[in-house]
PDB file of all heavy atoms in Angstrom:
ATOM      1  N   TYR A   1      -1.769  59.668  98.635  1.00  0.00           N
ATOM      2  CA  TYR A   1      -2.913  59.047  97.962  1.00  0.00           C
ATOM      3  C   TYR A   1      -3.045  57.573  98.334  1.00  0.00           C
ATOM      4  O   TYR A   1      -4.135  57.092  98.646  1.00  0.00           O
ATOM      5  CB  TYR A   1      -2.763  59.195  96.448  1.00  0.00           C
ATOM      6  CG  TYR A   1      -3.837  58.473  95.662  1.00  0.00           C
ATOM      7  CD1 TYR A   1      -5.054  59.085  95.393  1.00  0.00           C
ATOM      8  CD2 TYR A   1      -3.635  57.162  95.218  1.00  0.00           C
ATOM      9  CE1 TYR A   1      -6.052  58.415  94.695  1.00  0.00           C
ATOM     10  CE2 TYR A   1      -4.620  56.484  94.522  1.00  0.00           C
ATOM     11  CZ  TYR A   1      -5.824  57.108  94.257  1.00  0.00           C
ATOM     12  OH  TYR A   1      -6.808  56.434  93.583  1.00  0.00           O
ATOM     13  N   LEU A   2      -1.917  56.851  98.300  1.00  0.00           N
ATOM     14  CA  LEU A   2      -1.972  55.423  98.608  1.00  0.00           C
ATOM     15  C   LEU A   2      -2.343  55.201 100.063  1.00  0.00           C
ATOM     16  O   LEU A   2      -3.099  54.275 100.390  1.00  0.00           O
ATOM     17  CB  LEU A   2      -0.629  54.763  98.296  1.00  0.00           C
ATOM     18  CG  LEU A   2      -0.621  53.232  98.353  1.00  0.00           C
ATOM     19  CD1 LEU A   2      -1.637  52.645  97.367  1.00  0.00           C
ATOM     20  CD2 LEU A   2       0.765  52.674  98.054  1.00  0.00           C
ATOM     21  N   ARG A   3      -1.846  56.035 100.956  1.00  0.00           N
ATOM     22  CA  ARG A   3      -2.236  55.919 102.366  1.00  0.00           C
ATOM     23  C   ARG A   3      -3.749  56.071 102.523  1.00  0.00           C
ATOM     24  O   ARG A   3      -4.386  55.335 103.285  1.00  0.00           O
ATOM     25  CB  ARG A   3      -1.536  56.990 103.202  1.00  0.00           C
ATOM     26  CG  ARG A   3      -0.086  56.700 103.570  1.00  0.00           C
ATOM     27  CD  ARG A   3       0.478  57.899 104.310  1.00  0.00           C
ATOM     28  NE  ARG A   3       1.855  57.746 104.701  1.00  0.00           N
ATOM     29  CZ  ARG A   3       2.264  57.332 105.894  1.00  0.00           C
ATOM     30  NH1 ARG A   3       1.370  57.004 106.816  1.00  0.00           N
ATOM     31  NH2 ARG A   3       3.549  57.238 106.181  1.00  0.00           N
ATOM     32  N   ARG A   4      -4.328  57.018 101.804  1.00  0.00           N
ATOM     33  CA  ARG A   4      -5.765  57.247 101.927  1.00  0.00           C
ATOM     34  C   ARG A   4      -6.566  56.038 101.467  1.00  0.00           C
ATOM     35  O   ARG A   4      -7.532  55.634 102.124  1.00  0.00           O
ATOM     36  CB  ARG A   4      -6.179  58.492 101.135  1.00  0.00           C
ATOM     37  CG  ARG A   4      -5.769  59.803 101.761  1.00  0.00           C
ATOM     38  CD  ARG A   4      -6.504  60.972 101.135  1.00  0.00           C
ATOM     39  NE  ARG A   4      -6.217  61.130  99.707  1.00  0.00           N
ATOM     40  CZ  ARG A   4      -5.195  61.837  99.222  1.00  0.00           C
ATOM     41  NH1 ARG A   4      -4.365  62.442 100.051  1.00  0.00           N
ATOM     42  NH2 ARG A   4      -5.015  61.946  97.923  1.00  0.00           N
ATOM     43  N   THR A   5      -6.187  55.466 100.339  1.00  0.00           N
ATOM     44  CA  THR A   5      -6.956  54.312  99.840  1.00  0.00           C
ATOM     45  C   THR A   5      -6.763  53.094 100.735  1.00  0.00           C
ATOM     46  O   THR A   5      -7.692  52.304 100.938  1.00  0.00           O
ATOM     47  CB  THR A   5      -6.590  53.986  98.380  1.00  0.00           C
ATOM     48  OG1 THR A   5      -7.504  53.015  97.877  1.00  0.00           O
ATOM     49  CG2 THR A   5      -5.181  53.445  98.239  1.00  0.00           C
ATOM     50  N   MET A   6      -5.570  52.952 101.339  1.00  0.00           N
ATOM     51  CA  MET A   6      -5.347  51.844 102.258  1.00  0.00           C
ATOM     52  C   MET A   6      -6.077  52.070 103.581  1.00  0.00           C
ATOM     53  O   MET A   6      -6.612  51.127 104.168  1.00  0.00           O
ATOM     54  CB  MET A   6      -3.849  51.650 102.482  1.00  0.00           C
ATOM     55  CG  MET A   6      -3.129  51.153 101.222  1.00  0.00           C
ATOM     56  SD  MET A   6      -1.339  51.140 101.377  1.00  0.00           S
ATOM     57  CE  MET A   6      -1.153  49.847 102.607  1.00  0.00           C
ATOM     58  N   ASP A   7      -6.111  53.310 104.042  1.00  0.00           N
ATOM     59  CA  ASP A   7      -6.898  53.630 105.245  1.00  0.00           C
ATOM     60  C   ASP A   7      -8.374  53.314 105.014  1.00  0.00           C
ATOM     61  O   ASP A   7      -9.073  52.828 105.917  1.00  0.00           O
ATOM     62  CB  ASP A   7      -6.748  55.107 105.607  1.00  0.00           C
ATOM     63  CG  ASP A   7      -5.379  55.439 106.185  1.00  0.00           C
ATOM     64  OD1 ASP A   7      -4.684  54.510 106.653  1.00  0.00           O
ATOM     65  OD2 ASP A   7      -5.015  56.636 106.177  1.00  0.00           O
ATOM     66  N   HIS A   8      -8.841  53.589 103.809  1.00  0.00           N
ATOM     67  CA  HIS A   8     -10.239  53.312 103.480  1.00  0.00           C
ATOM     68  C   HIS A   8     -10.516  51.810 103.536  1.00  0.00           C
ATOM     69  O   HIS A   8     -11.564  51.377 104.053  1.00  0.00           O
ATOM     70  CB  HIS A   8     -10.567  53.857 102.096  1.00  0.00           C
ATOM     71  CG  HIS A   8     -12.006  53.732 101.712  1.00  0.00           C
ATOM     72  ND1 HIS A   8     -13.035  54.263 102.464  1.00  0.00           N
ATOM     73  CD2 HIS A   8     -12.602  53.105 100.651  1.00  0.00           C
ATOM     74  CE1 HIS A   8     -14.191  53.989 101.882  1.00  0.00           C
ATOM     75  NE2 HIS A   8     -13.964  53.283 100.797  1.00  0.00           N
ATOM     76  N   SER A   9      -9.584  51.005 103.037  1.00  0.00           N
ATOM     77  CA  SER A   9      -9.751  49.549 103.119  1.00  0.00           C
ATOM     78  C   SER A   9      -9.829  49.095 104.578  1.00  0.00           C
ATOM     79  O   SER A   9     -10.641  48.231 104.923  1.00  0.00           O
ATOM     80  CB  SER A   9      -8.583  48.849 102.412  1.00  0.00           C
ATOM     81  OG  SER A   9      -8.657  49.016 101.018  1.00  0.00           O
ATOM     82  N   LEU A  10      -8.984  49.660 105.435  1.00  0.00           N
ATOM     83  CA  LEU A  10      -9.017  49.289 106.852  1.00  0.00           C
ATOM     84  C   LEU A  10     -10.329  49.718 107.507  1.00  0.00           C
ATOM     85  O   LEU A  10     -10.875  48.991 108.355  1.00  0.00           O
ATOM     86  CB  LEU A  10      -7.828  49.910 107.583  1.00  0.00           C
ATOM     87  CG  LEU A  10      -6.448  49.363 107.227  1.00  0.00           C
ATOM     88  CD1 LEU A  10      -5.374  50.048 108.080  1.00  0.00           C
ATOM     89  CD2 LEU A  10      -6.386  47.848 107.423  1.00  0.00           C
ATOM     90  N   ARG A  11     -10.837  50.884 107.133  1.00  0.00           N
ATOM     91  CA  ARG A  11     -12.118  51.326 107.701  1.00  0.00           C
ATOM     92  C   ARG A  11     -13.250  50.393 107.285  1.00  0.00           C
ATOM     93  O   ARG A  11     -14.126  50.052 108.105  1.00  0.00           O
ATOM     94  CB  ARG A  11     -12.423  52.760 107.266  1.00  0.00           C
ATOM     95  CG  ARG A  11     -11.627  53.816 107.999  1.00  0.00           C
ATOM     96  CD  ARG A  11     -12.200  55.192 107.759  1.00  0.00           C
ATOM     97  NE  ARG A  11     -12.110  55.605 106.373  1.00  0.00           N
ATOM     98  CZ  ARG A  11     -11.069  56.241 105.842  1.00  0.00           C
ATOM     99  NH1 ARG A  11     -10.029  56.546 106.600  1.00  0.00           N
ATOM    100  NH2 ARG A  11     -11.063  56.597 104.579  1.00  0.00           N
ATOM    101  N   LEU A  12     -13.249  49.967 106.027  1.00  0.00           N
ATOM    102  CA  LEU A  12     -14.293  49.057 105.557  1.00  0.00           C
ATOM    103  C   LEU A  12     -14.179  47.693 106.241  1.00  0.00           C
ATOM    104  O   LEU A  12     -15.196  47.073 106.580  1.00  0.00           O
ATOM    105  CB  LEU A  12     -14.212  48.903 104.042  1.00  0.00           C
ATOM    106  CG  LEU A  12     -14.597  50.142 103.223  1.00  0.00           C
ATOM    107  CD1 LEU A  12     -14.315  49.925 101.746  1.00  0.00           C
ATOM    108  CD2 LEU A  12     -16.064  50.500 103.441  1.00  0.00           C
ATOM    109  N   ALA A  13     -12.962  47.223 106.446  1.00  0.00           N
ATOM    110  CA  ALA A  13     -12.775  45.966 107.171  1.00  0.00           C
ATOM    111  C   ALA A  13     -13.287  46.095 108.600  1.00  0.00           C
ATOM    112  O   ALA A  13     -13.963  45.195 109.119  1.00  0.00           O
ATOM    113  CB  ALA A  13     -11.307  45.568 107.160  1.00  0.00           C
ATOM    114  N   GLY A  14     -12.971  47.214 109.237  1.00  0.00           N
ATOM    115  CA  GLY A  14     -13.452  47.433 110.600  1.00  0.00           C
ATOM    116  C   GLY A  14     -14.961  47.541 110.679  1.00  0.00           C
ATOM    117  O   GLY A  14     -15.586  47.037 111.615  1.00  0.00           O
ATOM    118  N   SER A  15     -15.563  48.190 109.697  1.00  0.00           N
ATOM    119  CA  SER A  15     -17.027  48.309 109.680  1.00  0.00           C
ATOM    120  C   SER A  15     -17.680  46.946 109.523  1.00  0.00           C
ATOM    121  O   SER A  15     -18.702  46.653 110.163  1.00  0.00           O
ATOM    122  CB  SER A  15     -17.462  49.234 108.533  1.00  0.00           C
ATOM    123  OG  SER A  15     -16.973  50.540 108.728  1.00  0.00           O
ATOM    124  N   ALA A  16     -17.107  46.095 108.676  1.00  0.00           N
ATOM    125  CA  ALA A  16     -17.646  44.746 108.504  1.00  0.00           C
ATOM    126  C   ALA A  16     -17.530  43.953 109.797  1.00  0.00           C
ATOM    127  O   ALA A  16     -18.432  43.180 110.155  1.00  0.00           O
ATOM    128  CB  ALA A  16     -16.916  44.030 107.370  1.00  0.00           C
ATOM    129  N   PHE A  17     -16.434  44.151 110.518  1.00  0.00           N
ATOM    130  CA  PHE A  17     -16.252  43.424 111.775  1.00  0.00           C
ATOM    131  C   PHE A  17     -17.331  43.786 112.791  1.00  0.00           C
ATOM    132  O   PHE A  17     -17.743  42.938 113.597  1.00  0.00           O
ATOM    133  CB  PHE A  17     -14.863  43.719 112.345  1.00  0.00           C
ATOM    134  CG  PHE A  17     -14.613  43.060 113.668  1.00  0.00           C
ATOM    135  CD1 PHE A  17     -14.480  41.681 113.763  1.00  0.00           C
ATOM    136  CD2 PHE A  17     -14.534  43.818 114.829  1.00  0.00           C
ATOM    137  CE1 PHE A  17     -14.256  41.072 114.990  1.00  0.00           C
ATOM    138  CE2 PHE A  17     -14.315  43.216 116.057  1.00  0.00           C
ATOM    139  CZ  PHE A  17     -14.180  41.837 116.135  1.00  0.00           C
ATOM    140  N   GLN A  18     -17.787  45.016 112.778  1.00  0.00           N
ATOM    141  CA  GLN A  18     -18.806  45.448 113.735  1.00  0.00           C
ATOM    142  C   GLN A  18     -20.142  44.729 113.538  1.00  0.00           C
ATOM    143  O   GLN A  18     -20.992  44.737 114.432  1.00  0.00           O
ATOM    144  CB  GLN A  18     -19.018  46.960 113.628  1.00  0.00           C
ATOM    145  CG  GLN A  18     -17.817  47.783 114.059  1.00  0.00           C
ATOM    146  CD  GLN A  18     -17.399  47.496 115.486  1.00  0.00           C
ATOM    147  OE1 GLN A  18     -18.226  47.391 116.386  1.00  0.00           O
ATOM    148  NE2 GLN A  18     -16.090  47.364 115.701  1.00  0.00           N
ATOM    149  N   LEU A  19     -20.321  44.105 112.400  1.00  0.00           N
ATOM    150  CA  LEU A  19     -21.565  43.377 112.117  1.00  0.00           C
ATOM    151  C   LEU A  19     -21.527  41.930 112.618  1.00  0.00           C
ATOM    152  O   LEU A  19     -22.536  41.224 112.543  1.00  0.00           O
ATOM    153  CB  LEU A  19     -21.836  43.373 110.609  1.00  0.00           C
ATOM    154  CG  LEU A  19     -21.975  44.748 109.952  1.00  0.00           C
ATOM    155  CD1 LEU A  19     -22.140  44.593 108.441  1.00  0.00           C
ATOM    156  CD2 LEU A  19     -23.145  45.515 110.546  1.00  0.00           C
ATOM    157  N   LEU A  20     -20.376  41.491 113.136  1.00  0.00           N
ATOM    158  CA  LEU A  20     -20.218  40.109 113.567  1.00  0.00           C
ATOM    159  C   LEU A  20     -20.543  39.960 115.048  1.00  0.00           C
ATOM    160  O   LEU A  20     -20.336  40.887 115.838  1.00  0.00           O
ATOM    161  CB  LEU A  20     -18.783  39.634 113.308  1.00  0.00           C
ATOM    162  CG  LEU A  20     -18.342  39.623 111.853  1.00  0.00           C
ATOM    163  CD1 LEU A  20     -16.864  39.251 111.749  1.00  0.00           C
ATOM    164  CD2 LEU A  20     -19.188  38.647 111.043  1.00  0.00           C
ATOM    165  N   PRO A  21     -21.021  38.788 115.459  1.00  0.00           N
ATOM    166  CA  PRO A  21     -21.251  38.557 116.886  1.00  0.00           C
ATOM    167  C   PRO A  21     -19.930  38.480 117.646  1.00  0.00           C
ATOM    168  O   PRO A  21     -18.880  38.172 117.075  1.00  0.00           O
ATOM    169  CB  PRO A  21     -21.983  37.205 116.902  1.00  0.00           C
ATOM    170  CG  PRO A  21     -21.570  36.528 115.640  1.00  0.00           C
ATOM    171  CD  PRO A  21     -21.390  37.624 114.632  1.00  0.00           C
ATOM    172  N   SER A  22     -19.995  38.750 118.942  1.00  0.00           N
ATOM    173  CA  SER A  22     -18.789  38.713 119.768  1.00  0.00           C
ATOM    174  C   SER A  22     -18.332  37.283 119.984  1.00  0.00           C
ATOM    175  O   SER A  22     -19.118  36.338 119.942  1.00  0.00           O
ATOM    176  CB  SER A  22     -19.063  39.373 121.124  1.00  0.00           C
ATOM    177  OG  SER A  22     -19.378  40.734 120.968  1.00  0.00           O
ATOM    178  N   SER A  23     -17.023  37.142 120.214  1.00  0.00           N
ATOM    179  CA  SER A  23     -16.446  35.838 120.531  1.00  0.00           C
ATOM    180  C   SER A  23     -15.381  36.035 121.600  1.00  0.00           C
ATOM    181  O   SER A  23     -15.129  37.160 122.060  1.00  0.00           O
ATOM    182  CB  SER A  23     -15.825  35.187 119.288  1.00  0.00           C
ATOM    183  OG  SER A  23     -14.610  35.832 118.943  1.00  0.00           O
ATOM    184  N   ALA A  24     -14.731  34.959 121.997  1.00  0.00           N
ATOM    185  CA  ALA A  24     -13.705  35.039 123.034  1.00  0.00           C
ATOM    186  C   ALA A  24     -12.544  35.933 122.610  1.00  0.00           C
ATOM    187  O   ALA A  24     -11.838  36.485 123.465  1.00  0.00           O
ATOM    188  CB  ALA A  24     -13.191  33.630 123.368  1.00  0.00           C
ATOM    189  N   TRP A  25     -12.331  36.081 121.305  1.00  0.00           N
ATOM    190  CA  TRP A  25     -11.194  36.849 120.816  1.00  0.00           C
ATOM    191  C   TRP A  25     -11.583  38.197 120.231  1.00  0.00           C
ATOM    192  O   TRP A  25     -10.770  38.839 119.557  1.00  0.00           O
ATOM    193  CB  TRP A  25     -10.441  36.033 119.764  1.00  0.00           C
ATOM    194  CG  TRP A  25      -9.546  34.995 120.354  1.00  0.00           C
ATOM    195  CD1 TRP A  25      -8.648  35.152 121.368  1.00  0.00           C
ATOM    196  CD2 TRP A  25      -9.445  33.634 119.952  1.00  0.00           C
ATOM    197  NE1 TRP A  25      -7.992  33.971 121.624  1.00  0.00           N
ATOM    198  CE2 TRP A  25      -8.454  33.017 120.768  1.00  0.00           C
ATOM    199  CE3 TRP A  25     -10.083  32.856 118.990  1.00  0.00           C
ATOM    200  CZ2 TRP A  25      -8.108  31.687 120.643  1.00  0.00           C
ATOM    201  CZ3 TRP A  25      -9.738  31.529 118.858  1.00  0.00           C
ATOM    202  CH2 TRP A  25      -8.755  30.947 119.684  1.00  0.00           C
ATOM    203  N   THR A  26     -12.769  38.675 120.486  1.00  0.00           N
ATOM    204  CA  THR A  26     -13.179  39.970 119.943  1.00  0.00           C
ATOM    205  C   THR A  26     -12.225  41.099 120.324  1.00  0.00           C
ATOM    206  O   THR A  26     -11.836  41.897 119.463  1.00  0.00           O
ATOM    207  CB  THR A  26     -14.613  40.298 120.383  1.00  0.00           C
ATOM    208  OG1 THR A  26     -15.521  39.404 119.723  1.00  0.00           O
ATOM    209  CG2 THR A  26     -14.983  41.727 120.014  1.00  0.00           C
ATOM    210  N   PRO A  27     -11.789  41.221 121.586  1.00  0.00           N
ATOM    211  CA  PRO A  27     -10.854  42.323 121.914  1.00  0.00           C
ATOM    212  C   PRO A  27      -9.540  42.241 121.152  1.00  0.00           C
ATOM    213  O   PRO A  27      -8.987  43.278 120.749  1.00  0.00           O
ATOM    214  CB  PRO A  27     -10.631  42.154 123.425  1.00  0.00           C
ATOM    215  CG  PRO A  27     -11.820  41.402 123.921  1.00  0.00           C
ATOM    216  CD  PRO A  27     -12.176  40.481 122.801  1.00  0.00           C
ATOM    217  N   GLU A  28      -9.030  41.021 120.945  1.00  0.00           N
ATOM    218  CA  GLU A  28      -7.761  40.878 120.234  1.00  0.00           C
ATOM    219  C   GLU A  28      -7.929  41.216 118.747  1.00  0.00           C
ATOM    220  O   GLU A  28      -7.051  41.844 118.140  1.00  0.00           O
ATOM    221  CB  GLU A  28      -7.217  39.458 120.389  1.00  0.00           C
ATOM    222  CG  GLU A  28      -6.750  39.114 121.790  1.00  0.00           C
ATOM    223  CD  GLU A  28      -7.901  38.843 122.744  1.00  0.00           C
ATOM    224  OE1 GLU A  28      -8.900  38.216 122.324  1.00  0.00           O
ATOM    225  OE2 GLU A  28      -7.804  39.279 123.914  1.00  0.00           O
ATOM    226  N   VAL A  29      -9.040  40.795 118.160  1.00  0.00           N
ATOM    227  CA  VAL A  29      -9.288  41.123 116.751  1.00  0.00           C
ATOM    228  C   VAL A  29      -9.449  42.634 116.581  1.00  0.00           C
ATOM    229  O   VAL A  29      -8.929  43.238 115.628  1.00  0.00           O
ATOM    230  CB  VAL A  29     -10.526  40.378 116.235  1.00  0.00           C
ATOM    231  CG1 VAL A  29     -10.871  40.822 114.805  1.00  0.00           C
ATOM    232  CG2 VAL A  29     -10.301  38.872 116.257  1.00  0.00           C
ATOM    233  N   GLU A  30     -10.151  43.275 117.511  1.00  0.00           N
ATOM    234  CA  GLU A  30     -10.289  44.729 117.464  1.00  0.00           C
ATOM    235  C   GLU A  30      -8.929  45.409 117.569  1.00  0.00           C
ATOM    236  O   GLU A  30      -8.648  46.390 116.869  1.00  0.00           O
ATOM    237  CB  GLU A  30     -11.199  45.206 118.593  1.00  0.00           C
ATOM    238  CG  GLU A  30     -12.662  44.852 118.394  1.00  0.00           C
ATOM    239  CD  GLU A  30     -13.524  45.304 119.554  1.00  0.00           C
ATOM    240  OE1 GLU A  30     -12.980  45.439 120.677  1.00  0.00           O
ATOM    241  OE2 GLU A  30     -14.729  45.528 119.338  1.00  0.00           O
TER     242      GLU A  30
END
């Protein structure tokens, strides 16, 4: 259960990142 809720937090963080413009460190952040 805890893994699922933590995975969900990571997915939401990743989705928010996709809305940001690219920068010199985009590959490293990804």
